[in-house]
Protein backbone atom coordinates (compact mmCIF):
# COMPACT_ATOMS: atom_id res chain seq x y z
CA UNK A 1 271.58 -94.61 72.52
CA UNK A 2 274.70 -92.48 72.01
CA UNK A 3 274.83 -90.10 69.02
CA UNK A 4 278.14 -89.61 67.18
CA UNK A 5 278.69 -86.74 64.72
CA UNK A 6 281.44 -87.25 62.13
CA UNK A 7 282.95 -84.11 60.60
CA UNK A 8 285.20 -85.96 58.12
CA UNK A 9 285.21 -89.33 56.44
CA UNK A 10 286.28 -91.76 59.16
CA UNK A 11 287.57 -95.25 58.45
CA UNK A 12 284.76 -97.82 58.66
CA UNK A 13 287.08 -100.05 60.70
CA UNK A 14 287.02 -97.38 63.39
CA UNK A 15 283.29 -96.73 63.25
CA UNK A 16 282.70 -100.47 63.49
CA UNK A 17 283.94 -100.19 67.08
CA UNK A 18 280.73 -98.30 67.89
CA UNK A 19 278.01 -101.02 67.94
CA UNK A 20 274.78 -100.19 66.13
CA UNK A 21 272.63 -101.34 69.05
CA UNK A 22 273.87 -98.48 71.22
CA UNK A 23 275.32 -95.88 68.80
CA UNK A 24 274.01 -93.88 65.86
CA UNK A 25 276.73 -92.38 63.66
CA UNK A 26 276.20 -89.79 60.94
CA UNK A 27 277.48 -86.49 59.57
CA UNK A 28 274.31 -84.57 60.50
CA UNK A 29 273.57 -85.42 64.15
CA UNK A 30 271.91 -82.36 65.70
CA UNK A 31 272.64 -83.11 69.38
CA UNK A 32 275.68 -85.38 69.42
CA UNK A 33 277.19 -86.95 72.50
CA UNK A 34 280.56 -87.03 70.75
CA UNK A 35 282.28 -85.71 67.64
CA UNK A 36 284.86 -87.71 65.70
CA UNK A 37 286.91 -85.84 63.10
CA UNK A 38 290.21 -85.66 61.28
CA UNK A 39 291.13 -82.26 59.80
CA UNK A 40 287.84 -80.34 60.07
CA UNK A 41 288.45 -76.93 61.72
CA UNK A 42 286.19 -76.61 64.75
CA UNK A 43 287.32 -73.16 65.90
CA UNK A 44 284.36 -71.31 64.35
CA UNK A 45 281.88 -74.07 65.01
CA UNK A 46 278.99 -73.71 67.46
CA UNK A 47 279.58 -76.33 70.13
CA UNK A 48 276.44 -78.41 70.90
CA UNK A 49 275.39 -78.33 74.55
CA UNK A 50 274.96 -82.11 74.38
CA UNK A 51 278.65 -82.69 73.56
CA UNK A 52 280.54 -84.93 75.98
CA UNK A 53 283.69 -85.85 74.02
CA UNK A 54 285.71 -85.06 70.90
CA UNK A 55 287.89 -87.65 69.16
CA UNK A 56 290.59 -86.62 66.69
CA UNK A 57 291.57 -89.52 64.43
CA UNK A 58 295.19 -88.42 64.34
CA UNK A 59 297.81 -86.89 66.60
CA UNK A 60 297.71 -83.11 66.11
CA UNK A 61 294.78 -81.13 67.53
CA UNK A 62 295.44 -77.64 66.12
CA UNK A 63 292.03 -77.74 64.45
CA UNK A 64 290.18 -78.11 67.78
CA UNK A 65 289.55 -75.23 70.25
CA UNK A 66 291.06 -76.92 73.30
CA UNK A 67 290.44 -74.05 75.72
CA UNK A 68 286.77 -73.92 74.76
CA UNK A 69 286.46 -77.69 75.14
CA UNK A 70 288.17 -77.67 78.52
CA UNK A 71 285.96 -74.84 79.82
CA UNK A 72 282.93 -76.88 78.74
CA UNK A 73 284.21 -80.01 80.48
CA UNK A 74 284.70 -81.88 77.21
CA UNK A 75 287.76 -84.14 76.94
CA UNK A 76 289.53 -84.19 73.58
CA UNK A 77 291.05 -87.52 72.59
CA UNK A 78 293.69 -88.16 69.95
CA UNK A 79 295.54 -91.18 68.57
CA UNK A 80 299.23 -90.81 69.46
CA UNK A 81 301.42 -93.31 67.69
CA UNK A 82 298.67 -94.75 65.49
CA UNK A 83 300.11 -93.07 62.39
CA UNK A 84 303.74 -93.17 63.54
CA UNK A 85 304.89 -95.87 61.15
CA UNK A 86 303.39 -94.08 58.15
CA UNK A 87 305.22 -90.84 59.00
CA UNK A 88 308.43 -92.69 59.79
CA UNK A 89 308.39 -94.38 56.40
CA UNK A 90 307.95 -91.04 54.63
CA UNK A 91 310.85 -89.57 56.61
CA UNK A 92 313.02 -92.45 55.44
CA UNK A 93 311.80 -91.88 51.88
CA UNK A 94 312.69 -88.19 52.27
CA UNK A 95 316.21 -89.10 53.33
CA UNK A 96 316.68 -91.15 50.18
CA UNK A 97 315.02 -88.56 47.94
CA UNK A 98 317.35 -85.86 49.24
CA UNK A 99 320.54 -87.93 49.37
CA UNK A 100 320.08 -89.45 45.90
CA UNK A 101 318.48 -86.42 44.18
CA UNK A 102 315.59 -88.67 43.22
CA UNK A 103 312.97 -85.96 42.74
CA UNK A 104 315.21 -83.85 40.51
CA UNK A 105 316.37 -86.92 38.57
CA UNK A 106 312.78 -87.95 37.85
CA UNK A 107 311.95 -84.47 36.61
CA UNK A 108 315.07 -84.53 34.40
CA UNK A 109 314.18 -87.92 32.92
CA UNK A 110 310.56 -87.00 32.26
CA UNK A 111 311.68 -83.96 30.26
CA UNK A 112 314.04 -85.91 27.97
CA UNK A 113 313.31 -85.93 24.23
CA UNK A 114 314.79 -87.74 21.25
CA UNK A 115 315.17 -91.27 19.93
CA UNK A 116 316.41 -94.10 22.11
CA UNK A 117 320.05 -93.52 21.18
CA UNK A 118 319.80 -89.84 22.06
CA UNK A 119 317.96 -90.64 25.28
CA UNK A 120 320.69 -93.11 26.23
CA UNK A 121 323.33 -90.38 26.03
CA UNK A 122 321.16 -87.95 27.99
CA UNK A 123 320.49 -90.60 30.66
CA UNK A 124 324.22 -91.10 31.14
CA UNK A 125 324.66 -87.32 31.42
CA UNK A 126 321.97 -87.26 34.08
CA UNK A 127 323.69 -90.05 35.94
CA UNK A 128 326.69 -87.77 36.45
CA UNK A 129 324.62 -84.68 37.18
CA UNK A 130 322.39 -86.24 39.84
CA UNK A 131 324.82 -88.51 41.62
CA UNK A 132 324.24 -88.54 45.37
CA UNK A 133 325.58 -90.04 48.58
CA UNK A 134 324.80 -92.88 50.97
CA UNK A 135 323.34 -92.57 54.47
CA UNK A 136 325.63 -94.69 56.69
CA UNK A 137 327.92 -92.44 58.71
CA UNK A 138 325.78 -89.34 58.14
CA UNK A 139 324.32 -87.54 61.17
CA UNK A 140 320.65 -86.77 61.61
CA UNK A 141 319.11 -84.56 64.27
CA UNK A 142 315.63 -85.57 65.47
CA UNK A 143 313.73 -82.80 67.25
CA UNK A 144 310.85 -84.32 69.20
CA UNK A 145 311.09 -87.87 70.54
CA UNK A 146 307.45 -88.83 70.83
CA UNK A 147 306.04 -91.92 69.12
CA UNK A 148 307.06 -90.75 65.64
CA UNK A 149 310.41 -89.24 66.58
CA UNK A 150 311.45 -92.40 68.43
CA UNK A 151 310.62 -94.60 65.45
CA UNK A 152 312.52 -92.28 63.13
CA UNK A 153 315.55 -92.17 65.44
CA UNK A 154 315.69 -95.95 65.88
CA UNK A 155 315.26 -96.60 62.16
CA UNK A 156 318.07 -94.18 61.33
CA UNK A 157 320.33 -96.10 63.71
CA UNK A 158 319.43 -99.26 61.77
CA UNK A 159 320.40 -97.43 58.56
CA UNK A 160 323.88 -96.87 59.98
CA UNK A 161 323.41 -93.17 60.71
CA UNK A 162 324.52 -91.20 63.75
CA UNK A 163 321.49 -89.84 65.59
CA UNK A 164 321.24 -86.84 67.90
CA UNK A 165 317.87 -86.37 69.58
CA UNK A 166 316.32 -83.46 71.45
CA UNK A 167 313.11 -83.42 73.45
CA UNK A 168 312.84 -81.49 76.73
CA UNK A 169 309.66 -83.40 77.57
CA UNK A 170 311.08 -86.88 77.02
CA UNK A 171 309.52 -89.27 79.54
CA UNK A 172 311.21 -92.20 81.24
CA UNK A 173 308.93 -94.56 79.33
CA UNK A 174 309.81 -92.81 76.08
CA UNK A 175 313.51 -93.10 76.81
CA UNK A 176 313.15 -96.86 77.30
CA UNK A 177 311.99 -97.12 73.68
CA UNK A 178 315.05 -95.34 72.29
CA UNK A 179 318.21 -97.04 71.12
CA UNK A 180 321.10 -96.58 73.56
CA UNK A 181 323.19 -95.44 70.58
CA UNK A 182 321.23 -92.20 70.24
CA UNK A 183 323.00 -89.11 71.56
CA UNK A 184 320.81 -86.79 73.60
CA UNK A 185 321.14 -83.03 73.10
CA UNK A 186 320.02 -80.26 75.45
CA UNK A 187 318.82 -77.80 72.82
CA UNK A 188 318.09 -77.34 69.14
CA UNK A 189 321.17 -75.11 68.85
CA UNK A 190 323.31 -77.95 70.16
CA UNK A 191 322.11 -80.12 67.28
CA UNK A 192 321.83 -77.80 64.37
CA UNK A 193 325.46 -77.19 63.46
CA UNK A 194 326.40 -80.89 63.69
CA UNK A 195 323.88 -82.58 61.43
CA UNK A 196 323.61 -83.58 57.79
CA UNK A 197 319.85 -83.99 58.16
CA UNK A 198 317.35 -82.35 60.52
CA UNK A 199 313.80 -83.64 60.99
CA UNK A 200 311.16 -82.20 63.32
CA UNK A 201 308.39 -84.15 65.08
CA UNK A 202 306.73 -81.71 67.47
CA UNK A 203 303.23 -80.16 67.61
CA UNK A 204 302.71 -76.62 66.38
CA UNK A 205 302.33 -74.48 69.50
CA UNK A 206 303.66 -71.06 70.44
CA UNK A 207 306.90 -72.59 71.72
CA UNK A 208 307.58 -74.46 68.47
CA UNK A 209 306.46 -71.90 65.89
CA UNK A 210 309.48 -70.89 63.75
CA UNK A 211 311.60 -73.35 65.72
CA UNK A 212 313.96 -73.43 62.75
CA UNK A 213 314.41 -69.79 61.76
CA UNK A 214 316.73 -67.26 60.19
CA UNK A 215 318.89 -67.13 63.32
CA UNK A 216 319.68 -70.83 63.60
CA UNK A 217 319.38 -72.08 60.02
CA UNK A 218 322.51 -70.09 59.24
CA UNK A 219 324.45 -72.35 61.61
CA UNK A 220 323.71 -75.46 59.54
CA UNK A 221 326.07 -77.08 57.07
CA UNK A 222 325.64 -75.85 53.50
CA UNK A 223 325.13 -79.48 52.49
CA UNK A 224 322.43 -80.13 55.13
CA UNK A 225 318.84 -81.24 54.50
CA UNK A 226 315.81 -80.05 56.50
CA UNK A 227 312.68 -82.26 56.70
CA UNK A 228 309.28 -81.13 57.97
CA UNK A 229 306.50 -83.73 57.94
CA UNK A 230 305.04 -82.48 61.24
CA UNK A 231 303.21 -79.17 60.83
CA UNK A 232 303.51 -76.08 58.70
CA UNK A 233 304.86 -73.19 60.77
CA UNK A 234 307.43 -75.16 62.76
CA UNK A 235 309.97 -74.41 60.04
CA UNK A 236 310.21 -70.80 58.87
CA UNK A 237 309.90 -71.38 55.12
CA UNK A 238 311.33 -67.99 54.18
CA UNK A 239 314.44 -68.60 56.28
CA UNK A 240 315.05 -72.09 54.86
CA UNK A 241 314.32 -71.14 51.25
CA UNK A 242 316.48 -68.04 51.62
CA UNK A 243 319.36 -70.20 52.85
CA UNK A 244 318.92 -72.53 49.86
CA UNK A 245 318.87 -69.58 47.45
CA UNK A 246 322.11 -68.31 49.02
CA UNK A 247 323.81 -71.71 48.71
CA UNK A 248 323.90 -72.16 52.48
CA UNK A 249 321.55 -75.17 52.62
CA UNK A 250 321.11 -78.09 50.24
CA UNK A 251 317.52 -79.33 50.35
CA UNK A 252 314.20 -78.81 52.11
CA UNK A 253 311.57 -81.57 52.16
CA UNK A 254 308.20 -80.26 53.30
CA UNK A 255 304.74 -81.76 53.55
CA UNK A 256 303.31 -78.23 53.59
CA UNK A 257 304.33 -76.49 50.35
CA UNK A 258 303.36 -72.91 49.52
CA UNK A 259 304.19 -70.33 46.89
CA UNK A 260 307.55 -69.57 48.52
CA UNK A 261 308.68 -73.18 48.57
CA UNK A 262 307.39 -73.76 45.03
CA UNK A 263 309.75 -71.04 43.76
CA UNK A 264 312.80 -72.73 45.26
CA UNK A 265 314.23 -75.49 43.02
CA UNK A 266 315.89 -77.46 45.83
CA UNK A 267 312.60 -77.88 47.73
CA UNK A 268 310.80 -81.23 47.54
CA UNK A 269 307.15 -80.45 48.22
CA UNK A 270 304.67 -83.18 49.15
CA UNK A 271 300.88 -82.81 49.49
CA UNK A 272 300.63 -83.57 53.24
CA UNK A 273 301.34 -87.28 52.75
CA UNK A 274 302.83 -87.96 56.19
CA UNK A 275 300.00 -90.02 57.65
CA UNK A 276 298.14 -90.60 54.40
CA UNK A 277 298.11 -94.38 54.28
CA UNK A 278 295.11 -96.63 54.58
CA UNK A 279 296.72 -98.39 57.52
CA UNK A 280 297.33 -95.15 59.42
CA UNK A 281 293.78 -93.91 58.86
CA UNK A 282 292.41 -97.26 60.06
CA UNK A 283 294.68 -97.33 63.13
CA UNK A 284 293.81 -93.75 64.12
CA UNK A 285 290.07 -94.29 63.70
CA UNK A 286 290.10 -97.54 65.67
CA UNK A 287 292.10 -96.02 68.52
CA UNK A 288 290.02 -92.88 68.87
CA UNK A 289 286.68 -94.69 68.49
CA UNK A 290 287.66 -97.07 71.29
CA UNK A 291 288.68 -94.14 73.50
CA UNK A 292 285.47 -92.21 72.89
CA UNK A 293 283.40 -95.32 73.55
CA UNK A 294 285.33 -96.06 76.74
CA UNK A 295 284.69 -92.54 78.00
CA UNK A 296 281.00 -92.48 77.15
CA UNK A 297 280.31 -95.92 78.62
CA UNK A 298 282.64 -95.95 81.65
CA UNK A 299 283.95 -92.41 82.16
CA UNK A 300 287.55 -93.65 81.88
CA UNK A 301 289.91 -91.24 80.10
CA UNK A 302 292.82 -92.50 77.98
CA UNK A 303 294.91 -90.32 75.64
CA UNK A 304 293.18 -87.02 76.30
CA UNK A 305 295.13 -83.90 75.37
CA UNK A 306 293.29 -81.60 77.79
CA UNK A 307 292.14 -83.86 80.65
CA UNK A 308 294.14 -86.07 83.01
CA UNK A 309 294.31 -89.75 82.14
CA UNK A 310 292.03 -91.43 84.68
CA UNK A 311 290.93 -95.07 84.65
CA UNK A 312 289.27 -97.22 87.28
CA UNK A 313 287.93 -100.76 86.85
CA UNK A 314 284.17 -100.91 87.23
CA UNK A 315 283.42 -101.88 90.84
CA UNK A 316 279.61 -101.57 90.74
CA UNK A 317 276.85 -100.90 88.25
CA UNK A 318 276.49 -97.30 89.41
CA UNK A 319 279.14 -94.74 88.49
CA UNK A 320 279.39 -90.95 88.74
CA UNK A 321 281.97 -88.87 86.86
CA UNK A 322 282.66 -85.22 87.68
CA UNK A 323 284.90 -82.62 86.07
CA UNK A 324 285.55 -79.45 88.02
CA UNK A 325 287.97 -76.62 88.66
CA UNK A 326 291.07 -77.85 90.44
CA UNK A 327 290.40 -76.11 93.77
CA UNK A 328 290.35 -77.34 97.39
CA UNK A 329 287.47 -79.31 98.91
CA UNK A 330 285.70 -80.27 95.69
CA UNK A 331 286.00 -83.99 96.44
CA UNK A 332 284.77 -83.29 99.97
CA UNK A 333 281.68 -81.48 98.70
CA UNK A 334 280.92 -84.23 96.17
CA UNK A 335 281.32 -86.93 98.86
CA UNK A 336 279.08 -85.05 101.28
CA UNK A 337 276.27 -84.70 98.74
CA UNK A 338 276.47 -88.42 97.96
CA UNK A 339 276.52 -89.35 101.64
CA UNK A 340 273.48 -87.12 102.34
CA UNK A 341 271.68 -89.01 99.54
CA UNK A 342 272.46 -92.33 101.23
CA UNK A 343 274.97 -93.42 98.62
CA UNK A 344 277.79 -95.65 99.87
CA UNK A 345 281.07 -95.13 98.00
CA UNK A 346 282.57 -98.41 96.80
CA UNK A 347 285.63 -96.90 95.10
CA UNK A 348 286.88 -93.49 94.00
CA UNK A 349 289.73 -91.94 92.03
CA UNK A 350 290.60 -88.28 91.52
CA UNK A 351 293.27 -86.83 89.23
CA UNK A 352 294.11 -83.30 88.17
CA UNK A 353 295.76 -81.64 85.20
CA UNK A 354 296.48 -77.96 85.38
CA UNK A 355 293.33 -76.06 86.29
CA UNK A 356 290.92 -78.99 86.08
CA UNK A 357 290.29 -82.12 88.11
CA UNK A 358 288.37 -85.27 87.25
CA UNK A 359 286.73 -87.73 89.63
CA UNK A 360 285.24 -91.19 89.13
CA UNK A 361 283.07 -92.62 91.91
CA UNK A 362 281.47 -96.06 92.07
CA UNK A 363 278.59 -96.42 94.54
CA UNK A 364 276.46 -99.35 95.71
CA UNK A 365 273.03 -98.12 94.60
CA UNK A 366 271.40 -96.13 91.83
CA UNK A 367 272.33 -92.46 91.48
CA UNK A 368 269.23 -90.30 91.21
CA UNK A 369 269.05 -87.41 88.75
CA UNK A 370 268.54 -85.02 91.67
CA UNK A 371 271.95 -86.00 93.10
CA UNK A 372 273.64 -85.38 89.76
CA UNK A 373 271.93 -81.98 89.45
CA UNK A 374 272.99 -80.97 92.96
CA UNK A 375 276.61 -81.81 92.22
CA UNK A 376 276.39 -80.11 88.83
CA UNK A 377 275.20 -76.93 90.57
CA UNK A 378 278.34 -76.69 92.72
CA UNK A 379 280.50 -73.67 91.93
CA UNK A 380 283.37 -74.84 89.76
CA UNK A 381 281.76 -78.04 88.46
CA UNK A 382 281.77 -78.29 84.66
CA UNK A 383 280.14 -81.67 84.22
CA UNK A 384 278.51 -84.33 86.38
CA UNK A 385 277.22 -87.50 84.76
CA UNK A 386 275.80 -90.75 86.07
CA UNK A 387 276.69 -93.89 84.12
CA UNK A 388 274.52 -96.87 84.97
CA UNK A 389 275.73 -100.26 83.72
């Protein structure tokens, strides 16, 4: 029986993927095999020695201590793309809100007073004051062309916009999913002076913190709009709000408002709505629950942010998985121990990612606990686990 600890409310559709005959799921498991969470901050949490996997029902993993998990041999799974449509739709809504002054117009209308005749005159005055512009022919820069960024870029093409994209880590597979009408840039600076809109879709890491800052925001058009539905900290709020105050930028749409943005009239602040749809929460929970279950039951790794992706079809009923430091002769030592125990290897796969390596071995007979313990005792091995079908 596998024990799953939930640190946030997780969609029942996701938890349903963990069958009750082999999983117990609760928010107070003392020795969990896996943790599934959304936004709970794990950095100060004591990590249970029983922990084998962590599943984040979402894309970003800033709330999880990845280095600590990696050192403990614990893969962290996320759900890339599961909430992409929800975020894309809010980006599109942000484009319309900014271009048509919708937020300001609503605030104006709500504050109107008088009888219907007086209101009619004030409405017409507002019509002139809050007139906007249409999107076709406008240029948007999309920084980050992962699952969300690609959907945003392609949708903007469908809206008749010109799209410039930047992502130094764009994969060949990712490029196949992009419209051929998207212009590829080589840097943020190459984009920033050309666009009417700029939207960011990157994780918050050291390389992306203050990606849009006082140095480059000054190169933008005074009529430009900046959109951040990714993570607080990617956009330097003081720089953007300062540019708006100085009349050098038109609008800032942020999902991460603070006291500085609240003081700036041309900021549209949203309460972290990017992936807040029922569909997105269901999709993320289903994806991550399936990945955690796959890892616990087969050792296969799909969509891990700190381990290599490694999958091998089950060849026998007896499987060993090992995570170790990525150093020479580890596979040789593991194979020797198994051979000395009389275990015949049916199939094997080994992949590495940075400083760690991961091995799956299928053998023809049962793997004794003593063999697992011997492998686990090797210098550099983080985990060794037998999975019997």
